[in-house]
Amino acid sequence: MTPLVRSILMVFVASVIGSLGMAFLKKGATHVTRSLFSFLNPPLLFGIVLFLGSSVFYALGIKDGQLSVLYPFVSLGYVWGLLWAKLFFNEAVT
């Protein structure tokens, strides 16, 4: 596997993980109240962990690749986000 293909795969995986983090943040945000401890709910914390994990994959992916080629793959996270919004929250795709 060439370094560019490996980089593309890493950034692609990062976009999926990051978009799942977005979904878990939304799920966890429904449990947030005025209490500071309400931010310690498992879905919200898992969403944060997923975002951090996706950052690791992004960093590893762009290390050996060209940012001008890889960065458009970052926008796939928004496409995944639309899919998760429909599947997990039954939101309309507009």
N, C-alpha and C. Protein backbone atom coordinates (compact mmCIF):
# COMPACT_ATOMS: atom_id res chain seq x y z
N MET A 1 0.86 -1.17 0.00
CA MET A 1 0.00 0.00 0.00
C MET A 1 0.91 1.24 0.00
N THR A 2 0.61 2.15 -0.89
CA THR A 2 1.42 3.37 -0.98
C THR A 2 1.12 4.31 0.19
N PRO A 3 2.05 5.20 0.51
CA PRO A 3 1.80 6.15 1.60
C PRO A 3 0.57 7.02 1.37
N LEU A 4 0.30 7.40 0.11
CA LEU A 4 -0.87 8.23 -0.15
C LEU A 4 -2.16 7.46 0.11
N VAL A 5 -2.22 6.21 -0.33
CA VAL A 5 -3.42 5.40 -0.11
C VAL A 5 -3.61 5.18 1.39
N ARG A 6 -2.53 4.91 2.11
CA ARG A 6 -2.62 4.73 3.56
C ARG A 6 -3.11 6.01 4.23
N SER A 7 -2.62 7.15 3.77
CA SER A 7 -3.06 8.43 4.31
C SER A 7 -4.53 8.68 4.04
N ILE A 8 -4.98 8.37 2.84
CA ILE A 8 -6.39 8.54 2.49
C ILE A 8 -7.26 7.66 3.38
N LEU A 9 -6.85 6.43 3.60
CA LEU A 9 -7.62 5.52 4.46
C LEU A 9 -7.67 6.03 5.90
N MET A 10 -6.55 6.54 6.40
CA MET A 10 -6.51 7.06 7.76
C MET A 10 -7.44 8.26 7.92
N VAL A 11 -7.43 9.16 6.96
CA VAL A 11 -8.29 10.33 7.03
C VAL A 11 -9.75 9.93 6.85
N PHE A 12 -10.01 8.95 6.01
CA PHE A 12 -11.38 8.44 5.84
C PHE A 12 -11.89 7.86 7.16
N VAL A 13 -11.09 7.03 7.80
CA VAL A 13 -11.47 6.45 9.10
C VAL A 13 -11.68 7.56 10.12
N ALA A 14 -10.82 8.55 10.11
CA ALA A 14 -10.96 9.68 11.03
C ALA A 14 -12.28 10.41 10.81
N SER A 15 -12.72 10.54 9.57
CA SER A 15 -13.97 11.23 9.31
C SER A 15 -15.16 10.43 9.84
N VAL A 16 -15.09 9.10 9.75
CA VAL A 16 -16.17 8.26 10.27
C VAL A 16 -16.20 8.35 11.80
N ILE A 17 -15.03 8.20 12.42
CA ILE A 17 -14.96 8.25 13.89
C ILE A 17 -15.39 9.62 14.40
N GLY A 18 -14.94 10.68 13.76
CA GLY A 18 -15.31 12.03 14.18
C GLY A 18 -16.81 12.28 14.05
N SER A 19 -17.40 11.76 12.99
CA SER A 19 -18.84 11.96 12.82
C SER A 19 -19.64 11.17 13.85
N LEU A 20 -19.15 10.00 14.23
CA LEU A 20 -19.80 9.26 15.31
C LEU A 20 -19.66 10.02 16.63
N GLY A 21 -18.51 10.67 16.80
CA GLY A 21 -18.33 11.52 17.98
C GLY A 21 -19.36 12.63 18.02
N MET A 22 -19.64 13.19 16.86
CA MET A 22 -20.65 14.24 16.75
C MET A 22 -22.02 13.71 17.20
N ALA A 23 -22.36 12.50 16.77
CA ALA A 23 -23.65 11.90 17.14
C ALA A 23 -23.72 11.63 18.64
N PHE A 24 -22.64 11.14 19.21
CA PHE A 24 -22.66 10.88 20.65
C PHE A 24 -22.68 12.17 21.46
N LEU A 25 -22.05 13.22 20.94
CA LEU A 25 -22.15 14.51 21.62
C LEU A 25 -23.59 14.98 21.65
N LYS A 26 -24.29 14.81 20.55
CA LYS A 26 -25.70 15.21 20.51
C LYS A 26 -26.52 14.38 21.48
N LYS A 27 -26.28 13.07 21.48
CA LYS A 27 -27.02 12.20 22.39
C LYS A 27 -26.73 12.58 23.84
N GLY A 28 -25.49 12.85 24.16
CA GLY A 28 -25.12 13.24 25.51
C GLY A 28 -25.62 14.61 25.89
N ALA A 29 -25.73 15.50 24.92
CA ALA A 29 -26.18 16.87 25.20
C ALA A 29 -27.63 16.90 25.67
N THR A 30 -28.40 15.88 25.33
CA THR A 30 -29.79 15.85 25.79
C THR A 30 -29.88 15.64 27.30
N HIS A 31 -28.80 15.16 27.91
CA HIS A 31 -28.78 14.91 29.35
C HIS A 31 -28.16 16.07 30.14
N VAL A 32 -27.70 17.09 29.45
CA VAL A 32 -27.04 18.21 30.12
C VAL A 32 -28.09 19.13 30.74
N THR A 33 -27.87 19.46 32.00
CA THR A 33 -28.74 20.38 32.72
C THR A 33 -27.89 21.54 33.22
N ARG A 34 -28.39 22.26 34.19
CA ARG A 34 -27.62 23.36 34.76
C ARG A 34 -26.50 22.87 35.68
N SER A 35 -26.52 21.60 36.03
CA SER A 35 -25.50 21.02 36.90
C SER A 35 -24.23 20.75 36.12
N LEU A 36 -23.11 21.10 36.68
CA LEU A 36 -21.82 20.85 36.04
C LEU A 36 -21.57 19.35 35.90
N PHE A 37 -22.07 18.56 36.85
CA PHE A 37 -21.88 17.11 36.81
C PHE A 37 -22.69 16.45 35.70
N SER A 38 -23.67 17.13 35.15
CA SER A 38 -24.44 16.54 34.06
C SER A 38 -23.58 16.38 32.80
N PHE A 39 -22.45 17.08 32.74
CA PHE A 39 -21.54 16.94 31.60
C PHE A 39 -20.76 15.64 31.66
N LEU A 40 -20.87 14.92 32.76
CA LEU A 40 -20.13 13.67 32.92
C LEU A 40 -20.96 12.45 32.52
N ASN A 41 -21.96 12.65 31.67
CA ASN A 41 -22.77 11.51 31.25
C ASN A 41 -22.01 10.70 30.18
N PRO A 42 -22.20 9.37 30.18
CA PRO A 42 -21.41 8.50 29.31
C PRO A 42 -21.48 8.82 27.81
N PRO A 43 -22.64 9.11 27.22
CA PRO A 43 -22.62 9.41 25.78
C PRO A 43 -21.79 10.66 25.45
N LEU A 44 -21.88 11.68 26.28
CA LEU A 44 -21.12 12.89 26.03
C LEU A 44 -19.62 12.63 26.16
N LEU A 45 -19.23 11.90 27.18
CA LEU A 45 -17.82 11.56 27.36
C LEU A 45 -17.31 10.67 26.23
N PHE A 46 -18.13 9.73 25.78
CA PHE A 46 -17.73 8.87 24.67
C PHE A 46 -17.58 9.69 23.39
N GLY A 47 -18.44 10.66 23.17
CA GLY A 47 -18.31 11.54 22.01
C GLY A 47 -17.00 12.31 22.04
N ILE A 48 -16.62 12.77 23.21
CA ILE A 48 -15.34 13.48 23.34
C ILE A 48 -14.18 12.55 23.05
N VAL A 49 -14.25 11.32 23.56
CA VAL A 49 -13.20 10.33 23.30
C VAL A 49 -13.11 10.04 21.80
N LEU A 50 -14.25 9.91 21.14
CA LEU A 50 -14.24 9.66 19.70
C LEU A 50 -13.62 10.82 18.93
N PHE A 51 -13.93 12.05 19.32
CA PHE A 51 -13.31 13.20 18.67
C PHE A 51 -11.80 13.20 18.86
N LEU A 52 -11.35 12.89 20.06
CA LEU A 52 -9.91 12.81 20.31
C LEU A 52 -9.29 11.69 19.47
N GLY A 53 -9.97 10.55 19.41
CA GLY A 53 -9.47 9.44 18.60
C GLY A 53 -9.39 9.79 17.12
N SER A 54 -10.37 10.51 16.65
CA SER A 54 -10.34 10.89 15.24
C SER A 54 -9.19 11.85 14.97
N SER A 55 -8.85 12.67 15.94
CA SER A 55 -7.72 13.58 15.78
C SER A 55 -6.40 12.82 15.62
N VAL A 56 -6.28 11.70 16.33
CA VAL A 56 -5.08 10.86 16.19
C VAL A 56 -5.00 10.32 14.76
N PHE A 57 -6.12 9.82 14.25
CA PHE A 57 -6.12 9.30 12.88
C PHE A 57 -5.84 10.41 11.87
N TYR A 58 -6.40 11.60 12.08
CA TYR A 58 -6.12 12.72 11.17
C TYR A 58 -4.64 13.04 11.17
N ALA A 59 -4.05 13.13 12.35
CA ALA A 59 -2.63 13.47 12.44
C ALA A 59 -1.77 12.42 11.76
N LEU A 60 -2.07 11.16 11.99
CA LEU A 60 -1.31 10.09 11.33
C LEU A 60 -1.53 10.09 9.82
N GLY A 61 -2.74 10.42 9.42
CA GLY A 61 -3.05 10.43 8.00
C GLY A 61 -2.37 11.55 7.24
N ILE A 62 -2.34 12.73 7.81
CA ILE A 62 -1.74 13.86 7.08
C ILE A 62 -0.23 13.90 7.19
N LYS A 63 0.33 13.06 8.07
CA LYS A 63 1.78 13.04 8.26
C LYS A 63 2.51 12.71 6.95
N ASP A 64 2.04 11.72 6.22
CA ASP A 64 2.73 11.28 5.01
C ASP A 64 2.00 11.63 3.72
N GLY A 65 0.92 12.41 3.82
CA GLY A 65 0.15 12.72 2.62
C GLY A 65 0.14 14.21 2.32
N GLN A 66 -0.42 14.53 1.18
CA GLN A 66 -0.55 15.93 0.77
C GLN A 66 -1.88 16.46 1.30
N LEU A 67 -1.80 17.54 2.03
CA LEU A 67 -3.00 18.11 2.62
C LEU A 67 -4.02 18.52 1.56
N SER A 68 -3.55 18.98 0.40
CA SER A 68 -4.47 19.39 -0.66
C SER A 68 -5.27 18.21 -1.21
N VAL A 69 -4.74 17.01 -1.08
CA VAL A 69 -5.46 15.82 -1.52
C VAL A 69 -6.33 15.28 -0.38
N LEU A 70 -5.82 15.33 0.84
CA LEU A 70 -6.50 14.70 1.97
C LEU A 70 -7.61 15.53 2.57
N TYR A 71 -7.45 16.83 2.58
CA TYR A 71 -8.43 17.66 3.28
C TYR A 71 -9.84 17.54 2.74
N PRO A 72 -10.05 17.36 1.44
CA PRO A 72 -11.43 17.14 0.98
C PRO A 72 -12.10 15.93 1.61
N PHE A 73 -11.32 14.93 2.04
CA PHE A 73 -11.90 13.77 2.71
C PHE A 73 -12.44 14.13 4.08
N VAL A 74 -11.94 15.19 4.66
CA VAL A 74 -12.44 15.64 5.96
C VAL A 74 -13.91 16.00 5.86
N SER A 75 -14.30 16.57 4.73
CA SER A 75 -15.70 16.97 4.55
C SER A 75 -16.65 15.77 4.52
N LEU A 76 -16.12 14.58 4.32
CA LEU A 76 -16.97 13.39 4.37
C LEU A 76 -17.59 13.21 5.75
N GLY A 77 -16.95 13.77 6.77
CA GLY A 77 -17.52 13.70 8.11
C GLY A 77 -18.90 14.32 8.17
N TYR A 78 -19.13 15.36 7.40
CA TYR A 78 -20.45 15.99 7.37
C TYR A 78 -21.47 15.09 6.69
N VAL A 79 -21.04 14.36 5.69
CA VAL A 79 -21.94 13.42 5.01
C VAL A 79 -22.30 12.29 5.97
N TRP A 80 -21.30 11.75 6.68
CA TRP A 80 -21.57 10.73 7.69
C TRP A 80 -22.50 11.29 8.76
N GLY A 81 -22.28 12.54 9.14
CA GLY A 81 -23.14 13.16 10.15
C GLY A 81 -24.59 13.20 9.73
N LEU A 82 -24.85 13.47 8.46
CA LEU A 82 -26.22 13.43 7.95
C LEU A 82 -26.81 12.03 8.08
N LEU A 83 -26.01 11.04 7.75
CA LEU A 83 -26.47 9.65 7.84
C LEU A 83 -26.79 9.27 9.29
N TRP A 84 -25.89 9.61 10.22
CA TRP A 84 -26.14 9.28 11.63
C TRP A 84 -27.35 10.04 12.16
N ALA A 85 -27.54 11.29 11.74
CA ALA A 85 -28.69 12.07 12.20
C ALA A 85 -29.99 11.39 11.78
N LYS A 86 -30.02 10.87 10.58
CA LYS A 86 -31.21 10.17 10.10
C LYS A 86 -31.41 8.84 10.83
N LEU A 87 -30.32 8.06 10.95
CA LEU A 87 -30.42 6.73 11.54
C LEU A 87 -30.67 6.76 13.05
N PHE A 88 -29.94 7.60 13.77
CA PHE A 88 -30.00 7.59 15.23
C PHE A 88 -31.08 8.50 15.81
N PHE A 89 -31.36 9.62 15.12
CA PHE A 89 -32.26 10.61 15.69
C PHE A 89 -33.50 10.84 14.84
N ASN A 90 -33.60 10.12 13.72
CA ASN A 90 -34.73 10.25 12.81
C ASN A 90 -34.95 11.69 12.36
N GLU A 91 -33.86 12.40 12.14
CA GLU A 91 -33.94 13.79 11.67
C GLU A 91 -34.12 13.80 10.15
N ALA A 92 -34.75 14.83 9.68
CA ALA A 92 -34.93 14.97 8.23
C ALA A 92 -33.61 15.36 7.58
N VAL A 93 -33.34 14.78 6.43
CA VAL A 93 -32.16 15.15 5.66
C VAL A 93 -32.59 16.27 4.73
N THR A 94 -32.09 17.47 5.00
CA THR A 94 -32.51 18.63 4.20
C THR A 94 -31.37 19.13 3.33
